[in-house]
PDB file of N, CA and C in Angstrom:
ATOM      1  N   MET A   1       4.418  11.161 -15.756  1.00  0.00           N
ATOM      2  CA  MET A   1       5.404  10.529 -14.896  1.00  0.00           C
ATOM      3  C   MET A   1       6.555  11.511 -14.689  1.00  0.00           C
ATOM      4  N   LYS A   2       7.021  11.654 -13.467  1.00  0.00           N
ATOM      5  CA  LYS A   2       8.148  12.527 -13.160  1.00  0.00           C
ATOM      6  C   LYS A   2       9.439  11.761 -13.420  1.00  0.00           C
ATOM      7  N   VAL A   3      10.249  12.283 -14.347  1.00  0.00           N
ATOM      8  CA  VAL A   3      11.462  11.616 -14.815  1.00  0.00           C
ATOM      9  C   VAL A   3      12.666  12.523 -14.584  1.00  0.00           C
ATOM     10  N   VAL A   4      13.763  11.942 -14.115  1.00  0.00           N
ATOM     11  CA  VAL A   4      15.027  12.670 -13.999  1.00  0.00           C
ATOM     12  C   VAL A   4      16.036  12.015 -14.923  1.00  0.00           C
ATOM     13  N   LEU A   5      16.690  12.846 -15.748  1.00  0.00           N
ATOM     14  CA  LEU A   5      17.777  12.378 -16.614  1.00  0.00           C
ATOM     15  C   LEU A   5      19.100  12.637 -15.907  1.00  0.00           C
ATOM     16  N   ASP A   6      19.894  11.617 -15.761  1.00  0.00           N
ATOM     17  CA  ASP A   6      21.240  11.754 -15.212  1.00  0.00           C
ATOM     18  C   ASP A   6      22.056  12.612 -16.171  1.00  0.00           C
ATOM     19  N   GLU A   7      23.118  13.222 -15.675  1.00  0.00           N
ATOM     20  CA  GLU A   7      23.928  14.051 -16.569  1.00  0.00           C
ATOM     21  C   GLU A   7      24.626  13.225 -17.646  1.00  0.00           C
ATOM     22  N   SER A   8      24.659  11.899 -17.506  1.00  0.00           N
ATOM     23  CA  SER A   8      25.240  11.039 -18.544  1.00  0.00           C
ATOM     24  C   SER A   8      24.271  10.809 -19.708  1.00  0.00           C
ATOM     25  N   ALA A   9      23.002  11.119 -19.521  1.00  0.00           N
ATOM     26  CA  ALA A   9      21.998  10.944 -20.585  1.00  0.00           C
ATOM     27  C   ALA A   9      21.852  12.264 -21.349  1.00  0.00           C
ATOM     28  N   PRO A  10      21.685  12.204 -22.667  1.00  0.00           N
ATOM     29  CA  PRO A  10      21.552  13.440 -23.443  1.00  0.00           C
ATOM     30  C   PRO A  10      20.289  14.219 -23.058  1.00  0.00           C
ATOM     31  N   GLU A  11      20.449  15.527 -22.852  1.00  0.00           N
ATOM     32  CA  GLU A  11      19.322  16.375 -22.456  1.00  0.00           C
ATOM     33  C   GLU A  11      18.199  16.370 -23.482  1.00  0.00           C
ATOM     34  N   GLY A  12      18.541  16.200 -24.754  1.00  0.00           N
ATOM     35  CA  GLY A  12      17.534  16.191 -25.813  1.00  0.00           C
ATOM     36  C   GLY A  12      16.500  15.094 -25.653  1.00  0.00           C
ATOM     37  N   LEU A  13      16.833  14.063 -24.912  1.00  0.00           N
ATOM     38  CA  LEU A  13      15.903  12.963 -24.704  1.00  0.00           C
ATOM     39  C   LEU A  13      14.628  13.435 -24.015  1.00  0.00           C
ATOM     40  N   GLY A  14      14.750  14.388 -23.129  1.00  0.00           N
ATOM     41  CA  GLY A  14      13.584  14.904 -22.414  1.00  0.00           C
ATOM     42  C   GLY A  14      12.517  15.460 -23.341  1.00  0.00           C
ATOM     43  N   ASP A  15      12.935  16.103 -24.423  1.00  0.00           N
ATOM     44  CA  ASP A  15      11.996  16.663 -25.399  1.00  0.00           C
ATOM     45  C   ASP A  15      11.272  15.577 -26.185  1.00  0.00           C
ATOM     46  N   CYS A  16      11.795  14.376 -26.156  1.00  0.00           N
ATOM     47  CA  CYS A  16      11.230  13.263 -26.927  1.00  0.00           C
ATOM     48  C   CYS A  16      10.325  12.367 -26.089  1.00  0.00           C
ATOM     49  N   LEU A  17      10.029  12.793 -24.873  1.00  0.00           N
ATOM     50  CA  LEU A  17       9.177  12.003 -23.986  1.00  0.00           C
ATOM     51  C   LEU A  17       7.946  12.823 -23.590  1.00  0.00           C
ATOM     52  N   PRO A  18       7.093  13.132 -24.575  1.00  0.00           N
ATOM     53  CA  PRO A  18       5.921  13.959 -24.276  1.00  0.00           C
ATOM     54  C   PRO A  18       5.002  13.271 -23.263  1.00  0.00           C
ATOM     55  N   GLY A  19       4.329  14.073 -22.488  1.00  0.00           N
ATOM     56  CA  GLY A  19       3.423  13.536 -21.487  1.00  0.00           C
ATOM     57  C   GLY A  19       4.111  13.216 -20.174  1.00  0.00           C
ATOM     58  N   HIS A  20       5.419  13.457 -20.118  1.00  0.00           N
ATOM     59  CA  HIS A  20       6.176  13.205 -18.896  1.00  0.00           C
ATOM     60  C   HIS A  20       6.766  14.525 -18.395  1.00  0.00           C
ATOM     61  N   ASP A  21       6.931  14.627 -17.105  1.00  0.00           N
ATOM     62  CA  ASP A  21       7.534  15.787 -16.463  1.00  0.00           C
ATOM     63  C   ASP A  21       9.023  15.484 -16.316  1.00  0.00           C
ATOM     64  N   VAL A  22       9.821  15.889 -17.320  1.00  0.00           N
ATOM     65  CA  VAL A  22      11.229  15.489 -17.387  1.00  0.00           C
ATOM     66  C   VAL A  22      12.130  16.630 -16.913  1.00  0.00           C
ATOM     67  N   HIS A  23      13.055  16.283 -16.015  1.00  0.00           N
ATOM     68  CA  HIS A  23      14.052  17.217 -15.492  1.00  0.00           C
ATOM     69  C   HIS A  23      15.424  16.605 -15.697  1.00  0.00           C
ATOM     70  N   THR A  24      16.429  17.438 -15.850  1.00  0.00           N
ATOM     71  CA  THR A  24      17.802  16.929 -15.902  1.00  0.00           C
ATOM     72  C   THR A  24      18.435  17.137 -14.535  1.00  0.00           C
ATOM     73  N   SER A  25      19.391  16.294 -14.209  1.00  0.00           N
ATOM     74  CA  SER A  25      20.078  16.472 -12.931  1.00  0.00           C
ATOM     75  C   SER A  25      20.775  17.834 -12.901  1.00  0.00           C
ATOM     76  N   THR A  26      21.234  18.299 -14.052  1.00  0.00           N
ATOM     77  CA  THR A  26      21.884  19.606 -14.125  1.00  0.00           C
ATOM     78  C   THR A  26      20.888  20.727 -13.831  1.00  0.00           C
ATOM     79  N   SER A  27      19.696  20.655 -14.433  1.00  0.00           N
ATOM     80  CA  SER A  27      18.698  21.713 -14.209  1.00  0.00           C
ATOM     81  C   SER A  27      18.217  21.744 -12.761  1.00  0.00           C
ATOM     82  N   LEU A  28      18.352  20.625 -12.072  1.00  0.00           N
ATOM     83  CA  LEU A  28      17.963  20.554 -10.663  1.00  0.00           C
ATOM     84  C   LEU A  28      19.098  20.996  -9.732  1.00  0.00           C
ATOM     85  N   GLY A  29      20.234  21.364 -10.322  1.00  0.00           N
ATOM     86  CA  GLY A  29      21.381  21.812  -9.534  1.00  0.00           C
ATOM     87  C   GLY A  29      22.211  20.677  -8.976  1.00  0.00           C
ATOM     88  N   TRP A  30      22.118  19.504  -9.583  1.00  0.00           N
ATOM     89  CA  TRP A  30      22.797  18.322  -9.070  1.00  0.00           C
ATOM     90  C   TRP A  30      24.001  17.913  -9.907  1.00  0.00           C
ATOM     91  N   LYS A  31      24.509  18.787 -10.720  1.00  0.00           N
ATOM     92  CA  LYS A  31      25.656  18.454 -11.568  1.00  0.00           C
ATOM     93  C   LYS A  31      26.860  18.080 -10.700  1.00  0.00           C
ATOM     94  N   GLY A  32      27.492  16.967 -11.019  1.00  0.00           N
ATOM     95  CA  GLY A  32      28.699  16.536 -10.333  1.00  0.00           C
ATOM     96  C   GLY A  32      28.463  15.808  -9.028  1.00  0.00           C
ATOM     97  N   ILE A  33      27.221  15.636  -8.618  1.00  0.00           N
ATOM     98  CA  ILE A  33      26.937  14.930  -7.367  1.00  0.00           C
ATOM     99  C   ILE A  33      27.187  13.442  -7.565  1.00  0.00           C
ATOM    100  N   LYS A  34      27.846  12.837  -6.616  1.00  0.00           N
ATOM    101  CA  LYS A  34      28.181  11.413  -6.688  1.00  0.00           C
ATOM    102  C   LYS A  34      26.923  10.553  -6.683  1.00  0.00           C
ATOM    103  N   ASN A  35      27.031   9.371  -7.261  1.00  0.00           N
ATOM    104  CA  ASN A  35      25.879   8.507  -7.522  1.00  0.00           C
ATOM    105  C   ASN A  35      25.009   8.193  -6.306  1.00  0.00           C
ATOM    106  N   GLY A  36      25.608   7.835  -5.180  1.00  0.00           N
ATOM    107  CA  GLY A  36      24.819   7.483  -4.001  1.00  0.00           C
ATOM    108  C   GLY A  36      23.955   8.642  -3.529  1.00  0.00           C
ATOM    109  N   LYS A  37      24.554   9.812  -3.400  1.00  0.00           N
ATOM    110  CA  LYS A  37      23.808  11.000  -2.982  1.00  0.00           C
ATOM    111  C   LYS A  37      22.788  11.391  -4.047  1.00  0.00           C
ATOM    112  N   LEU A  38      23.163  11.250  -5.316  1.00  0.00           N
ATOM    113  CA  LEU A  38      22.254  11.584  -6.410  1.00  0.00           C
ATOM    114  C   LEU A  38      20.977  10.743  -6.342  1.00  0.00           C
ATOM    115  N   LEU A  39      21.125   9.454  -6.125  1.00  0.00           N
ATOM    116  CA  LEU A  39      19.951   8.586  -6.052  1.00  0.00           C
ATOM    117  C   LEU A  39      19.051   8.954  -4.869  1.00  0.00           C
ATOM    118  N   LYS A  40      19.642   9.373  -3.757  1.00  0.00           N
ATOM    119  CA  LYS A  40      18.839   9.834  -2.616  1.00  0.00           C
ATOM    120  C   LYS A  40      18.076  11.100  -2.972  1.00  0.00           C
ATOM    121  N   LEU A  41      18.713  12.007  -3.710  1.00  0.00           N
ATOM    122  CA  LEU A  41      18.033  13.231  -4.146  1.00  0.00           C
ATOM    123  C   LEU A  41      16.906  12.912  -5.122  1.00  0.00           C
ATOM    124  N   VAL A  42      17.182  12.012  -6.054  1.00  0.00           N
ATOM    125  CA  VAL A  42      16.162  11.587  -7.024  1.00  0.00           C
ATOM    126  C   VAL A  42      14.946  11.060  -6.273  1.00  0.00           C
ATOM    127  N   GLU A  43      15.198  10.260  -5.279  1.00  0.00           N
ATOM    128  CA  GLU A  43      14.128   9.681  -4.464  1.00  0.00           C
ATOM    129  C   GLU A  43      13.378  10.752  -3.676  1.00  0.00           C
ATOM    130  N   SER A  44      14.103  11.739  -3.160  1.00  0.00           N
ATOM    131  CA  SER A  44      13.517  12.743  -2.268  1.00  0.00           C
ATOM    132  C   SER A  44      12.500  13.660  -2.940  1.00  0.00           C
ATOM    133  N   ILE A  45      12.560  13.776  -4.260  1.00  0.00           N
ATOM    134  CA  ILE A  45      11.619  14.678  -4.946  1.00  0.00           C
ATOM    135  C   ILE A  45      10.450  13.927  -5.587  1.00  0.00           C
ATOM    136  N   GLY A  46      10.309  12.667  -5.243  1.00  0.00           N
ATOM    137  CA  GLY A  46       9.172  11.907  -5.749  1.00  0.00           C
ATOM    138  C   GLY A  46       9.299  11.480  -7.198  1.00  0.00           C
ATOM    139  N   THR A  47      10.521  11.288  -7.637  1.00  0.00           N
ATOM    140  CA  THR A  47      10.778  10.849  -9.007  1.00  0.00           C
ATOM    141  C   THR A  47      10.194   9.454  -9.219  1.00  0.00           C
ATOM    142  N   GLU A  48       9.585   9.264 -10.382  1.00  0.00           N
ATOM    143  CA  GLU A  48       9.027   7.953 -10.719  1.00  0.00           C
ATOM    144  C   GLU A  48       9.944   7.160 -11.637  1.00  0.00           C
ATOM    145  N   ALA A  49      10.849   7.869 -12.337  1.00  0.00           N
ATOM    146  CA  ALA A  49      11.784   7.183 -13.238  1.00  0.00           C
ATOM    147  C   ALA A  49      13.086   7.972 -13.330  1.00  0.00           C
ATOM    148  N   PHE A  50      14.178   7.230 -13.426  1.00  0.00           N
ATOM    149  CA  PHE A  50      15.517   7.794 -13.533  1.00  0.00           C
ATOM    150  C   PHE A  50      16.167   7.164 -14.753  1.00  0.00           C
ATOM    151  N   ILE A  51      16.731   7.999 -15.640  1.00  0.00           N
ATOM    152  CA  ILE A  51      17.361   7.497 -16.863  1.00  0.00           C
ATOM    153  C   ILE A  51      18.835   7.873 -16.844  1.00  0.00           C
ATOM    154  N   THR A  52      19.690   6.878 -17.076  1.00  0.00           N
ATOM    155  CA  THR A  52      21.132   7.084 -17.057  1.00  0.00           C
ATOM    156  C   THR A  52      21.792   6.223 -18.120  1.00  0.00           C
ATOM    157  N   SER A  53      23.038   6.542 -18.423  1.00  0.00           N
ATOM    158  CA  SER A  53      23.853   5.650 -19.252  1.00  0.00           C
ATOM    159  C   SER A  53      25.161   5.338 -18.523  1.00  0.00           C
ATOM    160  N   ASP A  54      25.205   5.652 -17.239  1.00  0.00           N
ATOM    161  CA  ASP A  54      26.366   5.394 -16.393  1.00  0.00           C
ATOM    162  C   ASP A  54      26.348   3.938 -15.938  1.00  0.00           C
ATOM    163  N   LYS A  55      27.022   3.089 -16.701  1.00  0.00           N
ATOM    164  CA  LYS A  55      26.985   1.650 -16.440  1.00  0.00           C
ATOM    165  C   LYS A  55      27.625   1.271 -15.106  1.00  0.00           C
ATOM    166  N   SER A  56      28.543   2.069 -14.609  1.00  0.00           N
ATOM    167  CA  SER A  56      29.167   1.759 -13.323  1.00  0.00           C
ATOM    168  C   SER A  56      28.182   1.941 -12.170  1.00  0.00           C
ATOM    169  N   MET A  57      27.167   2.773 -12.379  1.00  0.00           N
ATOM    170  CA  MET A  57      26.199   3.038 -11.322  1.00  0.00           C
ATOM    171  C   MET A  57      25.491   1.765 -10.868  1.00  0.00           C
ATOM    172  N   GLU A  58      25.136   0.914 -11.809  1.00  0.00           N
ATOM    173  CA  GLU A  58      24.418  -0.315 -11.457  1.00  0.00           C
ATOM    174  C   GLU A  58      25.284  -1.237 -10.595  1.00  0.00           C
ATOM    175  N   LYS A  59      26.584  -1.226 -10.823  1.00  0.00           N
ATOM    176  CA  LYS A  59      27.484  -2.077 -10.048  1.00  0.00           C
ATOM    177  C   LYS A  59      27.778  -1.489  -8.671  1.00  0.00           C
ATOM    178  N   GLN A  60      27.729  -0.160  -8.571  1.00  0.00           N
ATOM    179  CA  GLN A  60      28.117   0.517  -7.335  1.00  0.00           C
ATOM    180  C   GLN A  60      26.951   0.808  -6.394  1.00  0.00           C
ATOM    181  N   GLN A  61      25.737   0.851  -6.912  1.00  0.00           N
ATOM    182  CA  GLN A  61      24.583   1.269  -6.115  1.00  0.00           C
ATOM    183  C   GLN A  61      23.527   0.170  -6.045  1.00  0.00           C
ATOM    184  N   VAL A  62      22.706   0.238  -5.023  1.00  0.00           N
ATOM    185  CA  VAL A  62      21.602  -0.712  -4.862  1.00  0.00           C
ATOM    186  C   VAL A  62      20.328  -0.028  -5.356  1.00  0.00           C
ATOM    187  N   PHE A  63      19.651  -0.667  -6.297  1.00  0.00           N
ATOM    188  CA  PHE A  63      18.407  -0.115  -6.849  1.00  0.00           C
ATOM    189  C   PHE A  63      17.180  -0.839  -6.309  1.00  0.00           C
ATOM    190  N   GLN A  64      17.379  -2.063  -5.869  1.00  0.00           N
ATOM    191  CA  GLN A  64      16.261  -2.830  -5.321  1.00  0.00           C
ATOM    192  C   GLN A  64      15.704  -2.093  -4.106  1.00  0.00           C
ATOM    193  N   GLY A  65      14.383  -1.921  -4.082  1.00  0.00           N
ATOM    194  CA  GLY A  65      13.726  -1.237  -2.982  1.00  0.00           C
ATOM    195  C   GLY A  65      13.586   0.263  -3.175  1.00  0.00           C
ATOM    196  N   ARG A  66      14.222   0.802  -4.203  1.00  0.00           N
ATOM    197  CA  ARG A  66      14.053   2.240  -4.468  1.00  0.00           C
ATOM    198  C   ARG A  66      12.660   2.460  -5.076  1.00  0.00           C
ATOM    199  N   PRO A  67      12.032   3.585  -4.761  1.00  0.00           N
ATOM    200  CA  PRO A  67      10.647   3.806  -5.196  1.00  0.00           C
ATOM    201  C   PRO A  67      10.500   4.370  -6.609  1.00  0.00           C
ATOM    202  N   PHE A  68      11.489   4.143  -7.449  1.00  0.00           N
ATOM    203  CA  PHE A  68      11.400   4.600  -8.835  1.00  0.00           C
ATOM    204  C   PHE A  68      11.990   3.528  -9.743  1.00  0.00           C
ATOM    205  N   ARG A  69      11.614   3.598 -11.010  1.00  0.00           N
ATOM    206  CA  ARG A  69      12.172   2.690 -12.019  1.00  0.00           C
ATOM    207  C   ARG A  69      13.418   3.340 -12.598  1.00  0.00           C
ATOM    208  N   THR A  70      14.355   2.526 -13.054  1.00  0.00           N
ATOM    209  CA  THR A  70      15.600   3.033 -13.629  1.00  0.00           C
ATOM    210  C   THR A  70      15.806   2.430 -15.008  1.00  0.00           C
ATOM    211  N   LEU A  71      16.086   3.299 -15.981  1.00  0.00           N
ATOM    212  CA  LEU A  71      16.452   2.843 -17.322  1.00  0.00           C
ATOM    213  C   LEU A  71      17.948   3.061 -17.494  1.00  0.00           C
ATOM    214  N   MET A  72      18.645   2.023 -17.934  1.00  0.00           N
ATOM    215  CA  MET A  72      20.076   2.086 -18.205  1.00  0.00           C
ATOM    216  C   MET A  72      20.255   2.014 -19.720  1.00  0.00           C
ATOM    217  N   LEU A  73      20.601   3.154 -20.327  1.00  0.00           N
ATOM    218  CA  LEU A  73      20.797   3.207 -21.778  1.00  0.00           C
ATOM    219  C   LEU A  73      22.160   2.640 -22.138  1.00  0.00           C
ATOM    220  N   SER A  74      22.247   1.944 -23.254  1.00  0.00           N
ATOM    221  CA  SER A  74      23.496   1.299 -23.665  1.00  0.00           C
ATOM    222  C   SER A  74      24.546   2.291 -24.159  1.00  0.00           C
ATOM    223  N   THR A  75      24.128   3.517 -24.421  1.00  0.00           N
ATOM    224  CA  THR A  75      25.043   4.553 -24.915  1.00  0.00           C
ATOM    225  C   THR A  75      24.537   5.911 -24.467  1.00  0.00           C
ATOM    226  N   ASN A  76      25.413   6.905 -24.555  1.00  0.00           N
ATOM    227  CA  ASN A  76      24.975   8.278 -24.316  1.00  0.00           C
ATOM    228  C   ASN A  76      25.090   9.107 -25.596  1.00  0.00           C
ATOM    229  N   SER A  77      25.304   8.435 -26.705  1.00  0.00           N
ATOM    230  CA  SER A  77      25.439   9.097 -28.006  1.00  0.00           C
ATOM    231  C   SER A  77      24.064   9.523 -28.526  1.00  0.00           C
ATOM    232  N   TRP A  78      23.830  10.823 -28.575  1.00  0.00           N
ATOM    233  CA  TRP A  78      22.531  11.335 -29.006  1.00  0.00           C
ATOM    234  C   TRP A  78      22.132  10.852 -30.404  1.00  0.00           C
ATOM    235  N   PRO A  79      23.021  10.836 -31.407  1.00  0.00           N
ATOM    236  CA  PRO A  79      22.617  10.320 -32.721  1.00  0.00           C
ATOM    237  C   PRO A  79      22.097   8.879 -32.666  1.00  0.00           C
ATOM    238  N   LEU A  80      22.670   8.047 -31.829  1.00  0.00           N
ATOM    239  CA  LEU A  80      22.193   6.668 -31.689  1.00  0.00           C
ATOM    240  C   LEU A  80      20.881   6.627 -30.902  1.00  0.00           C
ATOM    241  N   ILE A  81      20.822   7.383 -29.838  1.00  0.00           N
ATOM    242  CA  ILE A  81      19.621   7.391 -28.995  1.00  0.00           C
ATOM    243  C   ILE A  81      18.409   7.901 -29.756  1.00  0.00           C
ATOM    244  N   GLN A  82      18.585   8.901 -30.598  1.00  0.00           N
ATOM    245  CA  GLN A  82      17.470   9.462 -31.377  1.00  0.00           C
ATOM    246  C   GLN A  82      16.714   8.389 -32.141  1.00  0.00           C
ATOM    247  N   ASP A  83      17.438   7.419 -32.655  1.00  0.00           N
ATOM    248  CA  ASP A  83      16.810   6.342 -33.427  1.00  0.00           C
ATOM    249  C   ASP A  83      16.073   5.340 -32.537  1.00  0.00           C
ATOM    250  N   HIS A  84      16.199   5.464 -31.230  1.00  0.00           N
ATOM    251  CA  HIS A  84      15.607   4.499 -30.299  1.00  0.00           C
ATOM    252  C   HIS A  84      14.660   5.149 -29.285  1.00  0.00           C
ATOM    253  N   VAL A  85      14.203   6.352 -29.581  1.00  0.00           N
ATOM    254  CA  VAL A  85      13.335   7.077 -28.644  1.00  0.00           C
ATOM    255  C   VAL A  85      12.051   6.298 -28.352  1.00  0.00           C
ATOM    256  N   LEU A  86      11.474   5.670 -29.355  1.00  0.00           N
ATOM    257  CA  LEU A  86      10.242   4.902 -29.119  1.00  0.00           C
ATOM    258  C   LEU A  86      10.505   3.703 -28.208  1.00  0.00           C
ATOM    259  N   VAL A  87      11.644   3.060 -28.370  1.00  0.00           N
ATOM    260  CA  VAL A  87      12.012   1.931 -27.515  1.00  0.00           C
ATOM    261  C   VAL A  87      12.191   2.418 -26.069  1.00  0.00           C
ATOM    262  N   ILE A  88      12.820   3.571 -25.918  1.00  0.00           N
ATOM    263  CA  ILE A  88      13.038   4.137 -24.588  1.00  0.00           C
ATOM    264  C   ILE A  88      11.699   4.497 -23.945  1.00  0.00           C
ATOM    265  N   ALA A  89      10.817   5.136 -24.709  1.00  0.00           N
ATOM    266  CA  ALA A  89       9.497   5.517 -24.187  1.00  0.00           C
ATOM    267  C   ALA A  89       8.700   4.286 -23.762  1.00  0.00           C
ATOM    268  N   GLN A  90       8.772   3.240 -24.554  1.00  0.00           N
ATOM    269  CA  GLN A  90       8.064   2.001 -24.216  1.00  0.00           C
ATOM    270  C   GLN A  90       8.661   1.364 -22.955  1.00  0.00           C
ATOM    271  N   ALA A  91       9.978   1.363 -22.850  1.00  0.00           N
ATOM    272  CA  ALA A  91      10.639   0.808 -21.666  1.00  0.00           C
ATOM    273  C   ALA A  91      10.273   1.607 -20.420  1.00  0.00           C
ATOM    274  N   LEU A  92      10.124   2.900 -20.584  1.00  0.00           N
ATOM    275  CA  LEU A  92       9.736   3.757 -19.462  1.00  0.00           C
ATOM    276  C   LEU A  92       8.369   3.353 -18.918  1.00  0.00           C
ATOM    277  N   GLU A  93       7.471   2.988 -19.793  1.00  0.00           N
ATOM    278  CA  GLU A  93       6.120   2.598 -19.389  1.00  0.00           C
ATOM    279  C   GLU A  93       6.066   1.206 -18.770  1.00  0.00           C
ATOM    280  N   THR A  94       6.947   0.320 -19.188  1.00  0.00           N
ATOM    281  CA  THR A  94       6.862  -1.070 -18.742  1.00  0.00           C
ATOM    282  C   THR A  94       7.864  -1.444 -17.649  1.00  0.00           C
ATOM    283  N   ALA A  95       8.842  -0.581 -17.392  1.00  0.00           N
ATOM    284  CA  ALA A  95       9.864  -0.873 -16.382  1.00  0.00           C
ATOM    285  C   ALA A  95       9.222  -0.991 -15.002  1.00  0.00           C
ATOM    286  N   GLN A  96       9.845  -1.779 -14.159  1.00  0.00           N
ATOM    287  CA  GLN A  96       9.333  -1.997 -12.808  1.00  0.00           C
ATOM    288  C   GLN A  96      10.077  -1.128 -11.797  1.00  0.00           C
ATOM    289  N   VAL A  97       9.368  -0.713 -10.780  1.00  0.00           N
ATOM    290  CA  VAL A  97       9.944   0.069  -9.694  1.00  0.00           C
ATOM    291  C   VAL A  97      10.981  -0.778  -8.961  1.00  0.00           C
ATOM    292  N   GLY A  98      12.131  -0.161  -8.637  1.00  0.00           N
ATOM    293  CA  GLY A  98      13.167  -0.854  -7.893  1.00  0.00           C
ATOM    294  C   GLY A  98      14.022  -1.786  -8.714  1.00  0.00           C
ATOM    295  N   VAL A  99      13.886  -1.706 -10.036  1.00  0.00           N
ATOM    296  CA  VAL A  99      14.618  -2.588 -10.942  1.00  0.00           C
ATOM    297  C   VAL A  99      15.301  -1.740 -12.014  1.00  0.00           C
ATOM    298  N   VAL A 100      16.500  -2.150 -12.419  1.00  0.00           N
ATOM    299  CA  VAL A 100      17.197  -1.496 -13.519  1.00  0.00           C
ATOM    300  C   VAL A 100      16.813  -2.205 -14.810  1.00  0.00           C
ATOM    301  N   THR A 101      16.265  -1.459 -15.752  1.00  0.00           N
ATOM    302  CA  THR A 101      15.883  -1.995 -17.052  1.00  0.00           C
ATOM    303  C   THR A 101      16.915  -1.551 -18.089  1.00  0.00           C
ATOM    304  N   GLN A 102      17.552  -2.518 -18.725  1.00  0.00           N
ATOM    305  CA  GLN A 102      18.536  -2.229 -19.769  1.00  0.00           C
ATOM    306  C   GLN A 102      17.801  -1.861 -21.061  1.00  0.00           C
ATOM    307  N   VAL A 103      18.232  -0.779 -21.701  1.00  0.00           N
ATOM    308  CA  VAL A 103      17.631  -0.364 -22.972  1.00  0.00           C
ATOM    309  C   VAL A 103      18.742  -0.306 -24.018  1.00  0.00           C
ATOM    310  N   GLU A 104      18.644  -1.190 -24.998  1.00  0.00           N
ATOM    311  CA  GLU A 104      19.653  -1.265 -26.051  1.00  0.00           C
ATOM    312  C   GLU A 104      19.400  -0.175 -27.088  1.00  0.00           C
ATOM    313  N   CYS A 105      20.364   0.733 -27.219  1.00  0.00           N
ATOM    314  CA  CYS A 105      20.275   1.841 -28.170  1.00  0.00           C
ATOM    315  C   CYS A 105      21.450   1.831 -29.135  1.00  0.00           C
ATOM    316  N   GLY A 106      22.187   0.736 -29.167  1.00  0.00           N
ATOM    317  CA  GLY A 106      23.375   0.669 -30.008  1.00  0.00           C
ATOM    318  C   GLY A 106      24.607   1.032 -29.201  1.00  0.00           C
ATOM    319  N   ARG A 107      25.722   0.980 -29.855  1.00  0.00           N
ATOM    320  CA  ARG A 107      27.000   1.283 -29.217  1.00  0.00           C
ATOM    321  C   ARG A 107      27.748   2.293 -30.069  1.00  0.00           C
ATOM    322  N   PHE A 108      28.315   3.284 -29.417  1.00  0.00           N
ATOM    323  CA  PHE A 108      29.137   4.263 -30.106  1.00  0.00           C
ATOM    324  C   PHE A 108      30.529   3.683 -30.275  1.00  0.00           C
ATOM    325  N   VAL A 109      31.038   3.718 -31.486  1.00  0.00           N
ATOM    326  CA  VAL A 109      32.396   3.254 -31.770  1.00  0.00           C
ATOM    327  C   VAL A 109      33.184   4.448 -32.295  1.00  0.00           C
ATOM    328  N   PRO A 110      34.233   4.859 -31.580  1.00  0.00           N
ATOM    329  CA  PRO A 110      35.033   5.981 -32.057  1.00  0.00           C
ATOM    330  C   PRO A 110      35.571   5.716 -33.458  1.00  0.00           C
ATOM    331  N   LYS A 111      35.689   6.763 -34.233  1.00  0.00           N
ATOM    332  CA  LYS A 111      36.098   6.650 -35.629  1.00  0.00           C
ATOM    333  C   LYS A 111      37.404   5.861 -35.791  1.00  0.00           C
ATOM    334  N   LYS A 112      38.347   6.061 -34.892  1.00  0.00           N
ATOM    335  CA  LYS A 112      39.640   5.383 -35.023  1.00  0.00           C
ATOM    336  C   LYS A 112      39.534   3.869 -34.823  1.00  0.00           C
ATOM    337  N   HIS A 113      38.396   3.402 -34.234  1.00  0.00           N
ATOM    338  CA  HIS A 113      38.214   1.968 -34.004  1.00  0.00           C
ATOM    339  C   HIS A 113      37.242   1.317 -34.992  1.00  0.00           C
ATOM    340  N   ARG A 114      36.687   2.119 -35.880  1.00  0.00           N
ATOM    341  CA  ARG A 114      35.728   1.562 -36.838  1.00  0.00           C
ATOM    342  C   ARG A 114      36.468   0.829 -37.944  1.00  0.00           C
ATOM    343  N   ARG A 115      35.890  -0.281 -38.343  1.00  0.00           N
ATOM    344  CA  ARG A 115      36.469  -1.033 -39.469  1.00  0.00           C
ATOM    345  C   ARG A 115      35.943  -0.449 -40.753  1.00  0.00           C
ATOM    346  N   THR A 116      36.784  -0.361 -41.716  1.00  0.00           N
ATOM    347  CA  THR A 116      36.341   0.107 -43.023  1.00  0.00           C
ATOM    348  C   THR A 116      36.364  -1.056 -43.985  1.00  0.00           C
ATOM    349  N   SER A 117      35.351  -1.115 -44.826  1.00  0.00           N
ATOM    350  CA  SER A 117      35.310  -2.199 -45.810  1.00  0.00           C
ATOM    351  C   SER A 117      36.193  -1.843 -46.994  1.00  0.00           C
ATOM    352  N   GLN A 118      36.893  -2.814 -47.492  1.00  0.00           N
ATOM    353  CA  GLN A 118      37.816  -2.543 -48.602  1.00  0.00           C
ATOM    354  C   GLN A 118      37.415  -3.300 -49.828  1.00  0.00           C
TER     355      GLN A 118
END
């Protein structure tokens, strides 16, 4: 499956999806391209799946009718995502074209906001 990782998704994820032709938006020369144009580019190269963690994208763009599946990761934190690679791979296989599939990978909490047990 031809997969494009948005620049909001960790590049290391591509190495964890064997059997797929994974490209990053950066490696394709699309770094900094706005979401609407980016989705048109993703579509133009015959992408079958798009992976992002840019939650605003789902609110700003229309995915229904697009010829690829979209995975929306709950975080872009690589340490959290690493523990959920199998869940992501499974979601990639079962996601539907033209639909955004939410993939729960945990939430990153900055150190200053973490509660400590006393």
